[in-house]
Each structure stands twice: as structure tokens, then as C-alpha cells.
Amino acid sequence: NTWVMTGIALAVLVAIIVVARQLGSRAWAIALGLLLGAAIGNLT
């Protein structure tokens, strides 16, 4: 179900962007940055 995995990765990207709008913690910025870079890497 490769397309399902792609859809999940896209949903994760959207969730990260939405959560980042409330960003006020450096540790959270690092965690979300790692998730974002990794998700885009596998999506590539």
C-alpha cells in the first residue's frame, strides 16, 4: 500500500505545519524540524 504510506507522510507534513504555528519552545522546534526533514526525505 505504497500510496497509503505517501498519504500518511503528507498528512504528517500538514500536521507539523499546523502545530508549528503555536511554537514557543526551542526543544519543540528541534523535534518538529527533525520530523519535517525526515518526512520530506522519505517523500522525495
Full PDB file with SEQRES, HELIX, SHEET, SSBOND, CRYST1, ORIGX, SCALE, CONECT and MASTER records, all heavy atoms in Angstrom:
SEQRES   1 A   44  ASN THR TRP VAL MET THR GLY ILE ALA LEU ALA VAL LEU          
SEQRES   2 A   44  VAL ALA ILE ILE VAL VAL ALA ARG GLN LEU GLY SER ARG          
SEQRES   3 A   44  ALA TRP ALA ILE ALA LEU GLY LEU LEU LEU GLY ALA ALA          
SEQRES   4 A   44  ILE GLY ASN LEU THR                                          
HELIX    1 AA1 THR A    2  ALA A   20  1                                  19    
HELIX    2 AA2 ARG A   26  LEU A   43  1                                  18    
CRYST1    1.000    1.000    1.000  90.00  90.00  90.00 P 1           1          
ORIGX1      1.000000  0.000000  0.000000        0.00000                         
ORIGX2      0.000000  1.000000  0.000000        0.00000                         
ORIGX3      0.000000  0.000000  1.000000        0.00000                         
SCALE1      1.000000  0.000000  0.000000        0.00000                         
SCALE2      0.000000  1.000000  0.000000        0.00000                         
SCALE3      0.000000  0.000000  1.000000        0.00000                         
ATOM      1  N   ASN A   1       0.839  -1.204   0.000  1.00  0.00           N  
ATOM      2  CA  ASN A   1       0.000   0.000   0.000  1.00  0.00           C  
ATOM      3  C   ASN A   1       0.869   1.247   0.000  1.00  0.00           C  
ATOM      4  O   ASN A   1       0.794   2.088   0.900  1.00  0.00           O  
ATOM      5  CB  ASN A   1      -0.933  -0.003   1.219  1.00  0.00           C  
ATOM      6  CG  ASN A   1      -1.856  -1.206   1.246  1.00  0.00           C  
ATOM      7  OD1 ASN A   1      -2.853  -1.242   0.543  1.00  0.00           O  
ATOM      8  ND2 ASN A   1      -1.511  -2.194   2.060  1.00  0.00           N  
ATOM      9  N   THR A   2       1.693   1.374  -1.028  1.00  0.00           N  
ATOM     10  CA  THR A   2       2.636   2.477  -1.079  1.00  0.00           C  
ATOM     11  C   THR A   2       1.936   3.829  -1.093  1.00  0.00           C  
ATOM     12  O   THR A   2       2.380   4.790  -0.444  1.00  0.00           O  
ATOM     13  CB  THR A   2       3.532   2.346  -2.320  1.00  0.00           C  
ATOM     14  OG1 THR A   2       4.136   1.044  -2.333  1.00  0.00           O  
ATOM     15  CG2 THR A   2       4.624   3.400  -2.308  1.00  0.00           C  
ATOM     16  N   TRP A   3       0.815   3.922  -1.811  1.00  0.00           N  
ATOM     17  CA  TRP A   3       0.082   5.179  -1.867  1.00  0.00           C  
ATOM     18  C   TRP A   3      -0.437   5.574  -0.481  1.00  0.00           C  
ATOM     19  O   TRP A   3      -0.500   6.758  -0.153  1.00  0.00           O  
ATOM     20  CB  TRP A   3      -1.092   5.083  -2.847  1.00  0.00           C  
ATOM     21  CG  TRP A   3      -0.739   5.570  -4.205  1.00  0.00           C  
ATOM     22  CD1 TRP A   3      -0.649   4.846  -5.354  1.00  0.00           C  
ATOM     23  CD2 TRP A   3      -0.416   6.919  -4.568  1.00  0.00           C  
ATOM     24  NE1 TRP A   3      -0.287   5.645  -6.411  1.00  0.00           N  
ATOM     25  CE2 TRP A   3      -0.143   6.930  -5.962  1.00  0.00           C  
ATOM     26  CE3 TRP A   3      -0.325   8.112  -3.871  1.00  0.00           C  
ATOM     27  CZ2 TRP A   3       0.207   8.082  -6.653  1.00  0.00           C  
ATOM     28  CZ3 TRP A   3       0.030   9.262  -4.552  1.00  0.00           C  
ATOM     29  CH2 TRP A   3       0.289   9.250  -5.924  1.00  0.00           C  
ATOM     30  N   VAL A   4      -0.807   4.579   0.329  1.00  0.00           N  
ATOM     31  CA  VAL A   4      -1.267   4.876   1.691  1.00  0.00           C  
ATOM     32  C   VAL A   4      -0.128   5.486   2.504  1.00  0.00           C  
ATOM     33  O   VAL A   4      -0.316   6.463   3.237  1.00  0.00           O  
ATOM     34  CB  VAL A   4      -1.802   3.604   2.369  1.00  0.00           C  
ATOM     35  CG1 VAL A   4      -2.160   3.890   3.827  1.00  0.00           C  
ATOM     36  CG2 VAL A   4      -3.007   3.070   1.616  1.00  0.00           C  
ATOM     37  N   MET A   5       1.066   4.915   2.353  1.00  0.00           N  
ATOM     38  CA  MET A   5       2.231   5.452   3.068  1.00  0.00           C  
ATOM     39  C   MET A   5       2.530   6.888   2.629  1.00  0.00           C  
ATOM     40  O   MET A   5       2.872   7.750   3.442  1.00  0.00           O  
ATOM     41  CB  MET A   5       3.463   4.573   2.805  1.00  0.00           C  
ATOM     42  CG  MET A   5       3.328   3.128   3.267  1.00  0.00           C  
ATOM     43  SD  MET A   5       3.087   2.981   5.048  1.00  0.00           S  
ATOM     44  CE  MET A   5       1.328   2.618   5.113  1.00  0.00           C  
ATOM     45  N   THR A   6       2.381   7.155   1.333  1.00  0.00           N  
ATOM     46  CA  THR A   6       2.597   8.511   0.828  1.00  0.00           C  
ATOM     47  C   THR A   6       1.565   9.471   1.408  1.00  0.00           C  
ATOM     48  O   THR A   6       1.901  10.595   1.819  1.00  0.00           O  
ATOM     49  CB  THR A   6       2.516   8.522  -0.710  1.00  0.00           C  
ATOM     50  OG1 THR A   6       3.490   7.616  -1.243  1.00  0.00           O  
ATOM     51  CG2 THR A   6       2.774   9.927  -1.250  1.00  0.00           C  
ATOM     52  N   GLY A   7       0.307   9.037   1.475  1.00  0.00           N  
ATOM     53  CA  GLY A   7      -0.749   9.877   2.043  1.00  0.00           C  
ATOM     54  C   GLY A   7      -0.515  10.172   3.507  1.00  0.00           C  
ATOM     55  O   GLY A   7      -0.734  11.306   3.969  1.00  0.00           O  
ATOM     56  N   ILE A   8      -0.047   9.163   4.247  1.00  0.00           N  
ATOM     57  CA  ILE A   8       0.241   9.374   5.670  1.00  0.00           C  
ATOM     58  C   ILE A   8       1.370  10.384   5.841  1.00  0.00           C  
ATOM     59  O   ILE A   8       1.314  11.273   6.701  1.00  0.00           O  
ATOM     60  CB  ILE A   8       0.591   8.035   6.347  1.00  0.00           C  
ATOM     61  CG1 ILE A   8      -0.642   7.132   6.397  1.00  0.00           C  
ATOM     62  CG2 ILE A   8       1.154   8.267   7.748  1.00  0.00           C  
ATOM     63  CD1 ILE A   8      -0.365   5.742   6.929  1.00  0.00           C  
ATOM     64  N   ALA A   9       2.407  10.268   5.005  1.00  0.00           N  
ATOM     65  CA  ALA A   9       3.535  11.202   5.091  1.00  0.00           C  
ATOM     66  C   ALA A   9       3.083  12.629   4.790  1.00  0.00           C  
ATOM     67  O   ALA A   9       3.510  13.583   5.459  1.00  0.00           O  
ATOM     68  CB  ALA A   9       4.631  10.775   4.112  1.00  0.00           C  
ATOM     69  N   LEU A  10       2.199  12.806   3.811  1.00  0.00           N  
ATOM     70  CA  LEU A  10       1.679  14.133   3.503  1.00  0.00           C  
ATOM     71  C   LEU A  10       0.844  14.684   4.663  1.00  0.00           C  
ATOM     72  O   LEU A  10       0.919  15.877   4.986  1.00  0.00           O  
ATOM     73  CB  LEU A  10       0.837  14.077   2.227  1.00  0.00           C  
ATOM     74  CG  LEU A  10       1.616  13.853   0.922  1.00  0.00           C  
ATOM     75  CD1 LEU A  10       0.645  13.621  -0.232  1.00  0.00           C  
ATOM     76  CD2 LEU A  10       2.522  15.043   0.624  1.00  0.00           C  
ATOM     77  N   ALA A  11       0.060  13.809   5.295  1.00  0.00           N  
ATOM     78  CA  ALA A  11      -0.741  14.235   6.454  1.00  0.00           C  
ATOM     79  C   ALA A  11       0.157  14.668   7.603  1.00  0.00           C  
ATOM     80  O   ALA A  11      -0.148  15.635   8.317  1.00  0.00           O  
ATOM     81  CB  ALA A  11      -1.662  13.099   6.894  1.00  0.00           C  
ATOM     82  N   VAL A  12       1.275  13.968   7.785  1.00  0.00           N  
ATOM     83  CA  VAL A  12       2.230  14.341   8.834  1.00  0.00           C  
ATOM     84  C   VAL A  12       2.805  15.725   8.564  1.00  0.00           C  
ATOM     85  O   VAL A  12       2.949  16.554   9.479  1.00  0.00           O  
ATOM     86  CB  VAL A  12       3.361  13.297   8.932  1.00  0.00           C  
ATOM     87  CG1 VAL A  12       4.490  13.804   9.835  1.00  0.00           C  
ATOM     88  CG2 VAL A  12       2.818  11.981   9.478  1.00  0.00           C  
ATOM     89  N   LEU A  13       3.107  16.008   7.295  1.00  0.00           N  
ATOM     90  CA  LEU A  13       3.633  17.326   6.938  1.00  0.00           C  
ATOM     91  C   LEU A  13       2.636  18.424   7.293  1.00  0.00           C  
ATOM     92  O   LEU A  13       3.010  19.463   7.866  1.00  0.00           O  
ATOM     93  CB  LEU A  13       3.949  17.374   5.440  1.00  0.00           C  
ATOM     94  CG  LEU A  13       5.156  16.566   4.961  1.00  0.00           C  
ATOM     95  CD1 LEU A  13       5.323  16.729   3.455  1.00  0.00           C  
ATOM     96  CD2 LEU A  13       6.414  16.991   5.692  1.00  0.00           C  
ATOM     97  N   VAL A  14       1.378  18.219   6.954  1.00  0.00           N  
ATOM     98  CA  VAL A  14       0.345  19.208   7.251  1.00  0.00           C  
ATOM     99  C   VAL A  14       0.215  19.397   8.767  1.00  0.00           C  
ATOM    100  O   VAL A  14       0.103  20.528   9.259  1.00  0.00           O  
ATOM    101  CB  VAL A  14      -1.004  18.789   6.638  1.00  0.00           C  
ATOM    102  CG1 VAL A  14      -2.115  19.742   7.081  1.00  0.00           C  
ATOM    103  CG2 VAL A  14      -0.917  18.755   5.116  1.00  0.00           C  
ATOM    104  N   ALA A  15       0.232  18.284   9.517  1.00  0.00           N  
ATOM    105  CA  ALA A  15       0.108  18.368  10.974  1.00  0.00           C  
ATOM    106  C   ALA A  15       1.267  19.151  11.580  1.00  0.00           C  
ATOM    107  O   ALA A  15       1.077  19.967  12.500  1.00  0.00           O  
ATOM    108  CB  ALA A  15       0.047  16.962  11.567  1.00  0.00           C  
ATOM    109  N   ILE A  16       2.485  18.930  11.074  1.00  0.00           N  
ATOM    110  CA  ILE A  16       3.651  19.650  11.588  1.00  0.00           C  
ATOM    111  C   ILE A  16       3.503  21.150  11.354  1.00  0.00           C  
ATOM    112  O   ILE A  16       3.777  21.968  12.230  1.00  0.00           O  
ATOM    113  CB  ILE A  16       4.937  19.119  10.931  1.00  0.00           C  
ATOM    114  CG1 ILE A  16       5.211  17.680  11.383  1.00  0.00           C  
ATOM    115  CG2 ILE A  16       6.127  20.011  11.285  1.00  0.00           C  
ATOM    116  CD1 ILE A  16       6.362  17.021  10.653  1.00  0.00           C  
ATOM    117  N   ILE A  17       3.039  21.523  10.158  1.00  0.00           N  
ATOM    118  CA  ILE A  17       2.866  22.935   9.826  1.00  0.00           C  
ATOM    119  C   ILE A  17       1.823  23.578  10.737  1.00  0.00           C  
ATOM    120  O   ILE A  17       2.005  24.704  11.226  1.00  0.00           O  
ATOM    121  CB  ILE A  17       2.474  23.085   8.349  1.00  0.00           C  
ATOM    122  CG1 ILE A  17       3.640  22.637   7.456  1.00  0.00           C  
ATOM    123  CG2 ILE A  17       2.098  24.528   8.040  1.00  0.00           C  
ATOM    124  CD1 ILE A  17       3.292  22.576   5.985  1.00  0.00           C  
ATOM    125  N   VAL A  18       0.722  22.869  10.988  1.00  0.00           N  
ATOM    126  CA  VAL A  18      -0.338  23.404  11.840  1.00  0.00           C  
ATOM    127  C   VAL A  18       0.154  23.579  13.279  1.00  0.00           C  
ATOM    128  O   VAL A  18      -0.056  24.624  13.916  1.00  0.00           O  
ATOM    129  CB  VAL A  18      -1.577  22.492  11.801  1.00  0.00           C  
ATOM    130  CG1 VAL A  18      -2.598  22.930  12.842  1.00  0.00           C  
ATOM    131  CG2 VAL A  18      -2.207  22.507  10.406  1.00  0.00           C  
ATOM    132  N   VAL A  19       0.840  22.562  13.798  1.00  0.00           N  
ATOM    133  CA  VAL A  19       1.333  22.620  15.185  1.00  0.00           C  
ATOM    134  C   VAL A  19       2.384  23.710  15.335  1.00  0.00           C  
ATOM    135  O   VAL A  19       2.450  24.409  16.368  1.00  0.00           O  
ATOM    136  CB  VAL A  19       1.901  21.250  15.598  1.00  0.00           C  
ATOM    137  CG1 VAL A  19       2.611  21.337  16.951  1.00  0.00           C  
ATOM    138  CG2 VAL A  19       0.790  20.206  15.674  1.00  0.00           C  
ATOM    139  N   ALA A  20       3.210  23.893  14.305  1.00  0.00           N  
ATOM    140  CA  ALA A  20       4.299  24.870  14.389  1.00  0.00           C  
ATOM    141  C   ALA A  20       3.803  26.296  14.534  1.00  0.00           C  
ATOM    142  O   ALA A  20       4.548  27.171  14.971  1.00  0.00           O  
ATOM    143  CB  ALA A  20       5.185  24.750  13.153  1.00  0.00           C  
ATOM    144  N   ARG A  21       2.555  26.559  14.217  1.00  0.00           N  
ATOM    145  CA  ARG A  21       2.003  27.918  14.354  1.00  0.00           C  
ATOM    146  C   ARG A  21       1.928  28.340  15.821  1.00  0.00           C  
ATOM    147  O   ARG A  21       1.857  29.529  16.119  1.00  0.00           O  
ATOM    148  CB  ARG A  21       0.618  27.973  13.726  1.00  0.00           C  
ATOM    149  CG  ARG A  21       0.615  27.720  12.216  1.00  0.00           C  
ATOM    150  CD  ARG A  21      -0.785  27.660  11.659  1.00  0.00           C  
ATOM    151  NE  ARG A  21      -1.501  28.913  11.848  1.00  0.00           N  
ATOM    152  CZ  ARG A  21      -2.778  29.083  11.518  1.00  0.00           C  
ATOM    153  NH1 ARG A  21      -3.470  28.089  10.989  1.00  0.00           N  
ATOM    154  NH2 ARG A  21      -3.358  30.253  11.704  1.00  0.00           N  
ATOM    155  N   GLN A  22       1.930  27.378  16.745  1.00  0.00           N  
ATOM    156  CA  GLN A  22       1.880  27.682  18.178  1.00  0.00           C  
ATOM    157  C   GLN A  22       3.264  27.617  18.828  1.00  0.00           C  
ATOM    158  O   GLN A  22       3.387  27.646  20.039  1.00  0.00           O  
ATOM    159  CB  GLN A  22       0.950  26.694  18.883  1.00  0.00           C  
ATOM    160  CG  GLN A  22      -0.429  26.587  18.274  1.00  0.00           C  
ATOM    161  CD  GLN A  22      -1.246  25.478  18.921  1.00  0.00           C  
ATOM    162  OE1 GLN A  22      -0.938  25.026  20.021  1.00  0.00           O  
ATOM    163  NE2 GLN A  22      -2.280  25.027  18.246  1.00  0.00           N  
ATOM    164  N   LEU A  23       4.299  27.535  18.009  1.00  0.00           N  
ATOM    165  CA  LEU A  23       5.635  27.242  18.507  1.00  0.00           C  
ATOM    166  C   LEU A  23       6.125  28.301  19.494  1.00  0.00           C  
ATOM    167  O   LEU A  23       6.060  29.500  19.232  1.00  0.00           O  
ATOM    168  CB  LEU A  23       6.600  27.154  17.317  1.00  0.00           C  
ATOM    169  CG  LEU A  23       7.950  26.481  17.561  1.00  0.00           C  
ATOM    170  CD1 LEU A  23       7.752  25.060  18.061  1.00  0.00           C  
ATOM    171  CD2 LEU A  23       8.752  26.469  16.260  1.00  0.00           C  
ATOM    172  N   GLY A  24       6.627  27.820  20.650  1.00  0.00           N  
ATOM    173  CA  GLY A  24       7.192  28.706  21.659  1.00  0.00           C  
ATOM    174  C   GLY A  24       8.300  28.039  22.445  1.00  0.00           C  
ATOM    175  O   GLY A  24       8.757  28.560  23.454  1.00  0.00           O  
ATOM    176  N   SER A  25       8.756  26.877  21.976  1.00  0.00           N  
ATOM    177  CA  SER A  25       9.776  26.096  22.677  1.00  0.00           C  
ATOM    178  C   SER A  25      10.874  25.699  21.700  1.00  0.00           C  
ATOM    179  O   SER A  25      10.592  25.168  20.618  1.00  0.00           O  
ATOM    180  CB  SER A  25       9.146  24.847  23.302  1.00  0.00           C  
ATOM    181  OG  SER A  25      10.131  23.888  23.655  1.00  0.00           O  
ATOM    182  N   ARG A  26      12.136  25.922  22.079  1.00  0.00           N  
ATOM    183  CA  ARG A  26      13.250  25.544  21.212  1.00  0.00           C  
ATOM    184  C   ARG A  26      13.342  24.027  21.060  1.00  0.00           C  
ATOM    185  O   ARG A  26      13.633  23.529  19.969  1.00  0.00           O  
ATOM    186  CB  ARG A  26      14.563  26.092  21.778  1.00  0.00           C  
ATOM    187  CG  ARG A  26      15.766  25.798  20.891  1.00  0.00           C  
ATOM    188  CD  ARG A  26      17.048  26.406  21.439  1.00  0.00           C  
ATOM    189  NE  ARG A  26      17.030  27.858  21.334  1.00  0.00           N  
ATOM    190  CZ  ARG A  26      16.839  28.683  22.362  1.00  0.00           C  
ATOM    191  NH1 ARG A  26      16.646  28.194  23.581  1.00  0.00           N  
ATOM    192  NH2 ARG A  26      16.835  29.990  22.203  1.00  0.00           N  
ATOM    193  N   ALA A  27      13.088  23.296  22.142  1.00  0.00           N  
ATOM    194  CA  ALA A  27      13.138  21.840  22.057  1.00  0.00           C  
ATOM    195  C   ALA A  27      12.079  21.311  21.092  1.00  0.00           C  
ATOM    196  O   ALA A  27      12.325  20.384  20.310  1.00  0.00           O  
ATOM    197  CB  ALA A  27      12.947  21.227  23.446  1.00  0.00           C  
ATOM    198  N   TRP A  28      10.881  21.907  21.153  1.00  0.00           N  
ATOM    199  CA  TRP A  28       9.828  21.507  20.215  1.00  0.00           C  
ATOM    200  C   TRP A  28      10.208  21.886  18.786  1.00  0.00           C  
ATOM    201  O   TRP A  28       9.876  21.171  17.827  1.00  0.00           O  
ATOM    202  CB  TRP A  28       8.501  22.148  20.608  1.00  0.00           C  
ATOM    203  CG  TRP A  28       7.694  21.308  21.548  1.00  0.00           C  
ATOM    204  CD1 TRP A  28       7.588  21.457  22.904  1.00  0.00           C  
ATOM    205  CD2 TRP A  28       6.880  20.184  21.209  1.00  0.00           C  
ATOM    206  NE1 TRP A  28       6.752  20.493  23.429  1.00  0.00           N  
ATOM    207  CE2 TRP A  28       6.306  19.705  22.414  1.00  0.00           C  
ATOM    208  CE3 TRP A  28       6.578  19.537  20.016  1.00  0.00           C  
ATOM    209  CZ2 TRP A  28       5.451  18.605  22.445  1.00  0.00           C  
ATOM    210  CZ3 TRP A  28       5.727  18.434  20.040  1.00  0.00           C  
ATOM    211  CH2 TRP A  28       5.180  17.983  21.244  1.00  0.00           C  
ATOM    212  N   ALA A  29      10.887  23.016  18.607  1.00  0.00           N  
ATOM    213  CA  ALA A  29      11.325  23.419  17.273  1.00  0.00           C  
ATOM    214  C   ALA A  29      12.290  22.378  16.696  1.00  0.00           C  
ATOM    215  O   ALA A  29      12.214  22.027  15.508  1.00  0.00           O  
ATOM    216  CB  ALA A  29      11.980  24.796  17.328  1.00  0.00           C  
ATOM    217  N   ILE A  30      13.189  21.876  17.530  1.00  0.00           N  
ATOM    218  CA  ILE A  30      14.137  20.849  17.076  1.00  0.00           C  
ATOM    219  C   ILE A  30      13.404  19.560  16.727  1.00  0.00           C  
ATOM    220  O   ILE A  30      13.659  18.942  15.679  1.00  0.00           O  
ATOM    221  CB  ILE A  30      15.198  20.600  18.156  1.00  0.00           C  
ATOM    222  CG1 ILE A  30      16.064  21.852  18.340  1.00  0.00           C  
ATOM    223  CG2 ILE A  30      16.061  19.401  17.801  1.00  0.00           C  
ATOM    224  CD1 ILE A  30      17.032  21.769  19.505  1.00  0.00           C  
ATOM    225  N   ALA A  31      12.485  19.142  17.605  1.00  0.00           N  
ATOM    226  CA  ALA A  31      11.750  17.901  17.362  1.00  0.00           C  
ATOM    227  C   ALA A  31      10.932  17.983  16.076  1.00  0.00           C  
ATOM    228  O   ALA A  31      10.950  17.070  15.241  1.00  0.00           O  
ATOM    229  CB  ALA A  31      10.839  17.590  18.551  1.00  0.00           C  
ATOM    230  N   LEU A  32      10.213  19.097  15.897  1.00  0.00           N  
ATOM    231  CA  LEU A  32       9.399  19.257  14.695  1.00  0.00           C  
ATOM    232  C   LEU A  32      10.272  19.386  13.451  1.00  0.00           C  
ATOM    233  O   LEU A  32       9.909  18.913  12.367  1.00  0.00           O  
ATOM    234  CB  LEU A  32       8.482  20.462  14.832  1.00  0.00           C  
ATOM    235  CG  LEU A  32       7.396  20.361  15.914  1.00  0.00           C  
ATOM    236  CD1 LEU A  32       6.590  21.657  15.994  1.00  0.00           C  
ATOM    237  CD2 LEU A  32       6.467  19.186  15.629  1.00  0.00           C  
ATOM    238  N   GLY A  33      11.438  20.025  13.594  1.00  0.00           N  
ATOM    239  CA  GLY A  33      12.357  20.130  12.468  1.00  0.00           C  
ATOM    240  C   GLY A  33      12.872  18.777  12.024  1.00  0.00           C  
ATOM    241  O   GLY A  33      12.966  18.489  10.816  1.00  0.00           O  
ATOM    242  N   LEU A  34      13.212  17.929  12.976  1.00  0.00           N  
ATOM    243  CA  LEU A  34      13.656  16.570  12.644  1.00  0.00           C  
ATOM    244  C   LEU A  34      12.561  15.778  11.929  1.00  0.00           C  
ATOM    245  O   LEU A  34      12.813  15.099  10.920  1.00  0.00           O  
ATOM    246  CB  LEU A  34      14.093  15.830  13.915  1.00  0.00           C  
ATOM    247  CG  LEU A  34      15.381  16.316  14.588  1.00  0.00           C  
ATOM    248  CD1 LEU A  34      15.594  15.588  15.911  1.00  0.00           C  
ATOM    249  CD2 LEU A  34      16.576  16.107  13.664  1.00  0.00           C  
ATOM    250  N   LEU A  35      11.339  15.892  12.454  1.00  0.00           N  
ATOM    251  CA  LEU A  35      10.217  15.193  11.815  1.00  0.00           C  
ATOM    252  C   LEU A  35       9.974  15.718  10.402  1.00  0.00           C  
ATOM    253  O   LEU A  35       9.739  14.938   9.468  1.00  0.00           O  
ATOM    254  CB  LEU A  35       8.952  15.365  12.659  1.00  0.00           C  
ATOM    255  CG  LEU A  35       8.824  14.523  13.924  1.00  0.00           C  
ATOM    256  CD1 LEU A  35       7.529  14.877  14.660  1.00  0.00           C  
ATOM    257  CD2 LEU A  35       8.838  13.040  13.580  1.00  0.00           C  
ATOM    258  N   LEU A  36      10.027  17.034  10.254  1.00  0.00           N  
ATOM    259  CA  LEU A  36       9.752  17.627   8.947  1.00  0.00           C  
ATOM    260  C   LEU A  36      10.802  17.208   7.919  1.00  0.00           C  
ATOM    261  O   LEU A  36      10.467  16.793   6.798  1.00  0.00           O  
ATOM    262  CB  LEU A  36       9.715  19.153   9.082  1.00  0.00           C  
ATOM    263  CG  LEU A  36       9.381  19.936   7.817  1.00  0.00           C  
ATOM    264  CD1 LEU A  36       7.988  19.572   7.319  1.00  0.00           C  
ATOM    265  CD2 LEU A  36       9.473  21.439   8.085  1.00  0.00           C  
ATOM    266  N   GLY A  37      12.080  17.329   8.281  1.00  0.00           N  
ATOM    267  CA  GLY A  37      13.149  16.954   7.350  1.00  0.00           C  
ATOM    268  C   GLY A  37      13.095  15.486   6.982  1.00  0.00           C  
ATOM    269  O   GLY A  37      13.289  15.114   5.798  1.00  0.00           O  
ATOM    270  N   ALA A  38      12.836  14.618   7.964  1.00  0.00           N  
ATOM    271  CA  ALA A  38      12.775  13.185   7.700  1.00  0.00           C  
ATOM    272  C   ALA A  38      11.583  12.832   6.821  1.00  0.00           C  
ATOM    273  O   ALA A  38      11.690  12.023   5.886  1.00  0.00           O  
ATOM    274  CB  ALA A  38      12.699  12.419   9.020  1.00  0.00           C  
ATOM    275  N   ALA A  39      10.436  13.451   7.094  1.00  0.00           N  
ATOM    276  CA  ALA A  39       9.245  13.159   6.296  1.00  0.00           C  
ATOM    277  C   ALA A  39       9.430  13.589   4.846  1.00  0.00           C  
ATOM    278  O   ALA A  39       9.064  12.868   3.906  1.00  0.00           O  
ATOM    279  CB  ALA A  39       8.032  13.862   6.908  1.00  0.00           C  
ATOM    280  N   ILE A  40      10.021  14.771   4.649  1.00  0.00           N  
ATOM    281  CA  ILE A  40      10.262  15.242   3.278  1.00  0.00           C  
ATOM    282  C   ILE A  40      11.295  14.350   2.586  1.00  0.00           C  
ATOM    283  O   ILE A  40      11.193  14.070   1.381  1.00  0.00           O  
ATOM    284  CB  ILE A  40      10.724  16.709   3.287  1.00  0.00           C  
ATOM    285  CG1 ILE A  40       9.606  17.615   3.819  1.00  0.00           C  
ATOM    286  CG2 ILE A  40      11.127  17.161   1.888  1.00  0.00           C  
ATOM    287  CD1 ILE A  40      10.007  19.072   3.953  1.00  0.00           C  
ATOM    288  N   GLY A  41      12.279  13.868   3.363  1.00  0.00           N  
ATOM    289  CA  GLY A  41      13.289  12.983   2.786  1.00  0.00           C  
ATOM    290  C   GLY A  41      12.681  11.703   2.241  1.00  0.00           C  
ATOM    291  O   GLY A  41      12.970  11.289   1.101  1.00  0.00           O  
ATOM    292  N   ASN A  42      11.831  11.060   3.018  1.00  0.00           N  
ATOM    293  CA  ASN A  42      11.206   9.828   2.548  1.00  0.00           C  
ATOM    294  C   ASN A  42      10.187  10.102   1.439  1.00  0.00           C  
ATOM    295  O   ASN A  42      10.009   9.287   0.531  1.00  0.00           O  
ATOM    296  CB  ASN A  42      10.543   9.094   3.717  1.00  0.00           C  
ATOM    297  CG  ASN A  42      11.551   8.369   4.594  1.00  0.00           C  
ATOM    298  OD1 ASN A  42      12.655   8.046   4.158  1.00  0.00           O  
ATOM    299  ND2 ASN A  42      11.180   8.133   5.845  1.00  0.00           N  
ATOM    300  N   LEU A  43       9.500  11.274   1.519  1.00  0.00           N  
ATOM    301  CA  LEU A  43       8.571  11.637   0.455  1.00  0.00           C  
ATOM    302  C   LEU A  43       9.307  11.856  -0.870  1.00  0.00           C  
ATOM    303  O   LEU A  43       8.790  11.533  -1.947  1.00  0.00           O  
ATOM    304  CB  LEU A  43       7.803  12.896   0.831  1.00  0.00           C  
ATOM    305  CG  LEU A  43       6.438  12.695   1.506  1.00  0.00           C  
ATOM    306  CD1 LEU A  43       5.825  14.044   1.853  1.00  0.00           C  
ATOM    307  CD2 LEU A  43       5.497  11.886   0.637  1.00  0.00           C  
ATOM    308  N   THR A  44      10.508  12.410  -0.796  1.00  0.00           N  
ATOM    309  CA  THR A  44      11.303  12.600  -2.012  1.00  0.00           C  
ATOM    310  C   THR A  44      11.535  11.266  -2.709  1.00  0.00           C  
ATOM    311  O   THR A  44      11.415  11.168  -3.947  1.00  0.00           O  
ATOM    312  CB  THR A  44      12.646  13.270  -1.667  1.00  0.00           C  
ATOM    313  OG1 THR A  44      12.409  14.544  -1.074  1.00  0.00           O  
ATOM    314  CG2 THR A  44      13.504  13.430  -2.913  1.00  0.00           C  
TER     315      THR A  44                                                      
MASTER        0    0    0    2    0    0    0    6  314    1    0    4          
END                                                                             
